[in-house]
N, C-alpha and C. Protein backbone atom coordinates (compact mmCIF):
# COMPACT_ATOMS: atom_id res chain seq x y z
N MET A 1 117.09 80.51 82.25
CA MET A 1 116.45 81.80 82.46
C MET A 1 117.47 82.75 83.09
N ASN A 2 117.31 83.99 82.82
CA ASN A 2 118.20 85.03 83.34
C ASN A 2 118.12 85.08 84.87
N THR A 3 119.26 85.09 85.54
CA THR A 3 119.27 85.09 87.01
C THR A 3 118.69 86.37 87.60
N THR A 4 118.79 87.46 86.89
CA THR A 4 118.22 88.72 87.37
C THR A 4 116.70 88.64 87.40
N ILE A 5 116.12 88.02 86.39
CA ILE A 5 114.66 87.87 86.35
C ILE A 5 114.19 86.94 87.47
N VAL A 6 114.94 85.88 87.72
CA VAL A 6 114.59 84.96 88.81
C VAL A 6 114.68 85.69 90.15
N ALA A 7 115.74 86.47 90.35
CA ALA A 7 115.91 87.22 91.59
C ALA A 7 114.78 88.23 91.77
N ALA A 8 114.38 88.89 90.70
CA ALA A 8 113.28 89.85 90.77
C ALA A 8 111.97 89.15 91.13
N GLY A 9 111.75 88.00 90.51
CA GLY A 9 110.52 87.24 90.80
C GLY A 9 110.47 86.74 92.23
N LEU A 10 111.60 86.25 92.72
CA LEU A 10 111.64 85.78 94.10
C LEU A 10 111.53 86.93 95.10
N GLY A 11 112.12 88.07 94.79
CA GLY A 11 111.96 89.24 95.65
C GLY A 11 110.52 89.69 95.69
N CYS A 12 109.87 89.66 94.53
CA CYS A 12 108.44 90.01 94.45
C CYS A 12 107.61 89.04 95.29
N LEU A 13 107.92 87.75 95.18
CA LEU A 13 107.21 86.74 95.95
C LEU A 13 107.43 86.94 97.45
N GLY A 14 108.64 87.30 97.84
CA GLY A 14 108.92 87.59 99.25
C GLY A 14 108.12 88.78 99.75
N GLY A 15 108.03 89.82 98.94
CA GLY A 15 107.24 91.00 99.32
C GLY A 15 105.77 90.68 99.45
N LEU A 16 105.25 89.90 98.51
CA LEU A 16 103.84 89.51 98.57
C LEU A 16 103.56 88.60 99.76
N THR A 17 104.52 87.75 100.11
CA THR A 17 104.36 86.89 101.28
C THR A 17 104.25 87.73 102.54
N ARG A 18 105.11 88.73 102.67
CA ARG A 18 105.07 89.61 103.84
C ARG A 18 103.75 90.37 103.91
N SER A 19 103.29 90.82 102.78
CA SER A 19 102.04 91.55 102.72
C SER A 19 100.87 90.66 103.12
N THR A 20 100.87 89.43 102.65
CA THR A 20 99.80 88.50 102.98
C THR A 20 99.80 88.18 104.48
N ILE A 21 100.96 87.98 105.05
CA ILE A 21 101.05 87.71 106.49
C ILE A 21 100.54 88.91 107.28
N GLY A 22 100.88 90.11 106.85
CA GLY A 22 100.38 91.31 107.52
C GLY A 22 98.85 91.42 107.45
N LEU A 23 98.28 91.04 106.32
CA LEU A 23 96.82 91.08 106.21
C LEU A 23 96.17 90.04 107.11
N PHE A 24 96.79 88.87 107.23
CA PHE A 24 96.26 87.85 108.15
C PHE A 24 96.33 88.32 109.59
N LYS A 25 97.40 89.01 109.95
CA LYS A 25 97.53 89.56 111.30
C LYS A 25 96.44 90.60 111.56
N ALA A 26 96.21 91.46 110.59
CA ALA A 26 95.17 92.49 110.75
C ALA A 26 93.79 91.84 110.88
N HIS A 27 93.57 90.79 110.14
CA HIS A 27 92.29 90.08 110.22
C HIS A 27 92.14 89.42 111.60
N ALA A 28 93.23 88.88 112.14
CA ALA A 28 93.18 88.24 113.46
C ALA A 28 92.91 89.27 114.56
N ARG A 29 93.35 90.52 114.36
CA ARG A 29 93.10 91.59 115.33
C ARG A 29 91.72 92.21 115.14
N HIS A 30 91.00 91.71 114.15
CA HIS A 30 89.67 92.22 113.81
C HIS A 30 89.70 93.67 113.36
N ASP A 31 90.80 94.06 112.70
CA ASP A 31 90.89 95.39 112.10
C ASP A 31 90.00 95.45 110.87
N LYS A 32 89.51 96.64 110.59
CA LYS A 32 88.72 96.83 109.38
C LYS A 32 89.67 96.98 108.19
N ILE A 33 89.52 96.14 107.19
CA ILE A 33 90.42 96.14 106.05
C ILE A 33 89.60 96.48 104.80
N LYS A 34 90.02 97.52 104.10
CA LYS A 34 89.34 97.93 102.88
C LYS A 34 90.05 97.35 101.67
N ILE A 35 89.32 97.09 100.61
CA ILE A 35 89.87 96.47 99.41
C ILE A 35 90.95 97.36 98.77
N GLY A 36 90.77 98.67 98.83
CA GLY A 36 91.78 99.59 98.29
C GLY A 36 93.09 99.47 99.04
N PHE A 37 93.01 99.28 100.35
CA PHE A 37 94.20 99.10 101.17
C PHE A 37 94.92 97.81 100.79
N ILE A 38 94.17 96.75 100.56
CA ILE A 38 94.76 95.47 100.18
C ILE A 38 95.49 95.60 98.85
N ILE A 39 94.86 96.24 97.88
CA ILE A 39 95.47 96.39 96.55
C ILE A 39 96.73 97.23 96.63
N ARG A 40 96.67 98.36 97.36
CA ARG A 40 97.85 99.21 97.51
C ARG A 40 98.99 98.47 98.20
N THR A 41 98.66 97.75 99.25
CA THR A 41 99.66 97.02 100.00
C THR A 41 100.34 95.96 99.14
N MET A 42 99.54 95.19 98.42
CA MET A 42 100.10 94.14 97.57
C MET A 42 100.95 94.74 96.45
N ARG A 43 100.48 95.79 95.85
CA ARG A 43 101.22 96.42 94.74
C ARG A 43 102.56 96.98 95.23
N LEU A 44 102.54 97.71 96.33
CA LEU A 44 103.77 98.29 96.87
C LEU A 44 104.75 97.20 97.30
N SER A 45 104.24 96.15 97.92
CA SER A 45 105.10 95.05 98.36
C SER A 45 105.72 94.33 97.18
N ALA A 46 104.95 94.13 96.13
CA ALA A 46 105.47 93.46 94.94
C ALA A 46 106.56 94.30 94.27
N ILE A 47 106.31 95.59 94.14
CA ILE A 47 107.28 96.47 93.48
C ILE A 47 108.56 96.58 94.32
N SER A 48 108.40 96.83 95.62
CA SER A 48 109.59 96.97 96.46
C SER A 48 110.35 95.66 96.55
N GLY A 49 109.65 94.56 96.69
CA GLY A 49 110.32 93.26 96.76
C GLY A 49 111.08 92.94 95.49
N THR A 50 110.52 93.33 94.35
CA THR A 50 111.20 93.10 93.07
C THR A 50 112.53 93.84 93.02
N PHE A 51 112.51 95.12 93.34
CA PHE A 51 113.72 95.92 93.24
C PHE A 51 114.73 95.60 94.36
N ILE A 52 114.24 95.18 95.51
CA ILE A 52 115.16 94.83 96.59
C ILE A 52 115.78 93.45 96.34
N GLY A 53 115.07 92.56 95.67
CA GLY A 53 115.59 91.22 95.40
C GLY A 53 116.63 91.17 94.30
N ILE A 54 116.60 92.11 93.37
CA ILE A 54 117.52 92.08 92.22
C ILE A 54 119.01 92.12 92.61
N PRO A 55 119.45 92.94 93.55
CA PRO A 55 120.88 92.96 93.86
C PRO A 55 121.41 91.63 94.41
N PHE A 56 120.52 90.77 94.87
CA PHE A 56 120.94 89.50 95.45
C PHE A 56 120.72 88.35 94.47
N TYR A 57 120.98 88.61 93.20
CA TYR A 57 120.74 87.62 92.14
C TYR A 57 121.60 86.37 92.29
N PHE A 58 122.67 86.44 93.07
CA PHE A 58 123.59 85.32 93.20
C PHE A 58 123.04 84.19 94.07
N ASN A 59 121.99 84.48 94.87
CA ASN A 59 121.41 83.44 95.72
C ASN A 59 119.89 83.62 95.76
N PRO A 60 119.14 82.66 95.25
CA PRO A 60 117.67 82.80 95.21
C PRO A 60 117.02 82.94 96.58
N ILE A 61 117.54 82.25 97.57
CA ILE A 61 116.94 82.33 98.90
C ILE A 61 117.12 83.73 99.49
N ILE A 62 118.28 84.31 99.29
CA ILE A 62 118.53 85.66 99.80
C ILE A 62 117.64 86.67 99.05
N SER A 63 117.39 86.45 97.78
CA SER A 63 116.49 87.34 97.03
C SER A 63 115.10 87.32 97.63
N PHE A 64 114.60 86.13 97.96
CA PHE A 64 113.28 86.01 98.57
C PHE A 64 113.25 86.70 99.93
N VAL A 65 114.24 86.43 100.76
CA VAL A 65 114.30 87.01 102.10
C VAL A 65 114.45 88.53 102.02
N ALA A 66 115.23 89.02 101.06
CA ALA A 66 115.39 90.47 100.91
C ALA A 66 114.07 91.12 100.54
N GLY A 67 113.29 90.49 99.67
CA GLY A 67 111.96 91.01 99.33
C GLY A 67 111.05 91.04 100.53
N TYR A 68 111.12 89.99 101.35
CA TYR A 68 110.30 89.91 102.56
C TYR A 68 110.69 90.99 103.56
N VAL A 69 111.98 91.10 103.83
CA VAL A 69 112.48 92.07 104.82
C VAL A 69 112.28 93.50 104.32
N GLY A 70 112.46 93.72 103.03
CA GLY A 70 112.26 95.06 102.47
C GLY A 70 110.85 95.57 102.69
N SER A 71 109.87 94.69 102.52
CA SER A 71 108.49 95.08 102.76
C SER A 71 108.27 95.37 104.24
N ASP A 72 108.92 94.61 105.10
CA ASP A 72 108.80 94.83 106.53
C ASP A 72 109.40 96.18 106.92
N ILE A 73 110.51 96.54 106.31
CA ILE A 73 111.14 97.83 106.59
C ILE A 73 110.24 98.98 106.13
N LEU A 74 109.63 98.83 104.95
CA LEU A 74 108.71 99.88 104.48
C LEU A 74 107.54 100.04 105.42
N GLU A 75 107.04 98.95 105.96
CA GLU A 75 105.94 99.03 106.92
C GLU A 75 106.38 99.77 108.18
N GLY A 76 107.61 99.53 108.63
CA GLY A 76 108.14 100.23 109.81
C GLY A 76 108.31 101.71 109.57
N VAL A 77 108.77 102.07 108.37
CA VAL A 77 108.94 103.49 108.03
C VAL A 77 107.57 104.17 108.00
N TYR A 78 106.59 103.51 107.41
CA TYR A 78 105.24 104.07 107.36
C TYR A 78 104.70 104.28 108.77
N ALA A 79 104.89 103.29 109.63
CA ALA A 79 104.38 103.39 111.00
C ALA A 79 105.07 104.52 111.76
N SER A 80 106.34 104.79 111.46
CA SER A 80 107.03 105.85 112.17
C SER A 80 106.54 107.24 111.77
N PHE A 81 105.97 107.36 110.58
CA PHE A 81 105.47 108.65 110.13
C PHE A 81 104.00 108.88 110.48
N LYS A 82 103.32 107.85 110.98
CA LYS A 82 101.93 108.03 111.39
C LYS A 82 101.87 109.00 112.56
N ARG A 83 100.82 109.75 112.61
CA ARG A 83 100.67 110.70 113.71
C ARG A 83 100.30 109.97 114.99
N THR A 84 100.90 110.40 116.07
CA THR A 84 100.63 109.82 117.37
C THR A 84 99.99 110.89 118.25
N LYS A 85 98.90 110.54 118.91
CA LYS A 85 98.20 111.48 119.76
C LYS A 85 98.50 111.15 121.22
N ILE A 86 99.06 112.12 121.92
CA ILE A 86 99.33 111.97 123.34
C ILE A 86 98.63 113.11 124.06
N GLY A 87 97.60 112.78 124.77
CA GLY A 87 96.81 113.81 125.44
C GLY A 87 96.13 114.66 124.37
N LYS A 88 96.37 115.98 124.41
CA LYS A 88 95.76 116.88 123.45
C LYS A 88 96.72 117.25 122.32
N LYS A 89 97.97 116.77 122.39
CA LYS A 89 98.95 117.11 121.38
C LYS A 89 99.09 115.98 120.36
N THR A 90 99.28 116.36 119.12
CA THR A 90 99.51 115.40 118.05
C THR A 90 100.95 115.51 117.58
N PHE A 91 101.64 114.40 117.58
CA PHE A 91 103.05 114.37 117.18
C PHE A 91 103.20 113.64 115.87
């Protein structure tokens, strides 16, 4: 099988793994989780993991880890853009 396809698949699997762990964490915190949020999260993690895993086609483990870490980075970027309320001001 083509190594690029394997790397893409493993990156996708890494992204989905990160997404699943995040959903388990949210469930443990008793956060309200909507089905639309789950679908969006899984889809974005799969797509980002696929594209992030491809450059690391030379090592399957690194492709998986890159997909996992890439999803984690996207979550951090999203969290940094969320509005924060301090007192009466919104930042």
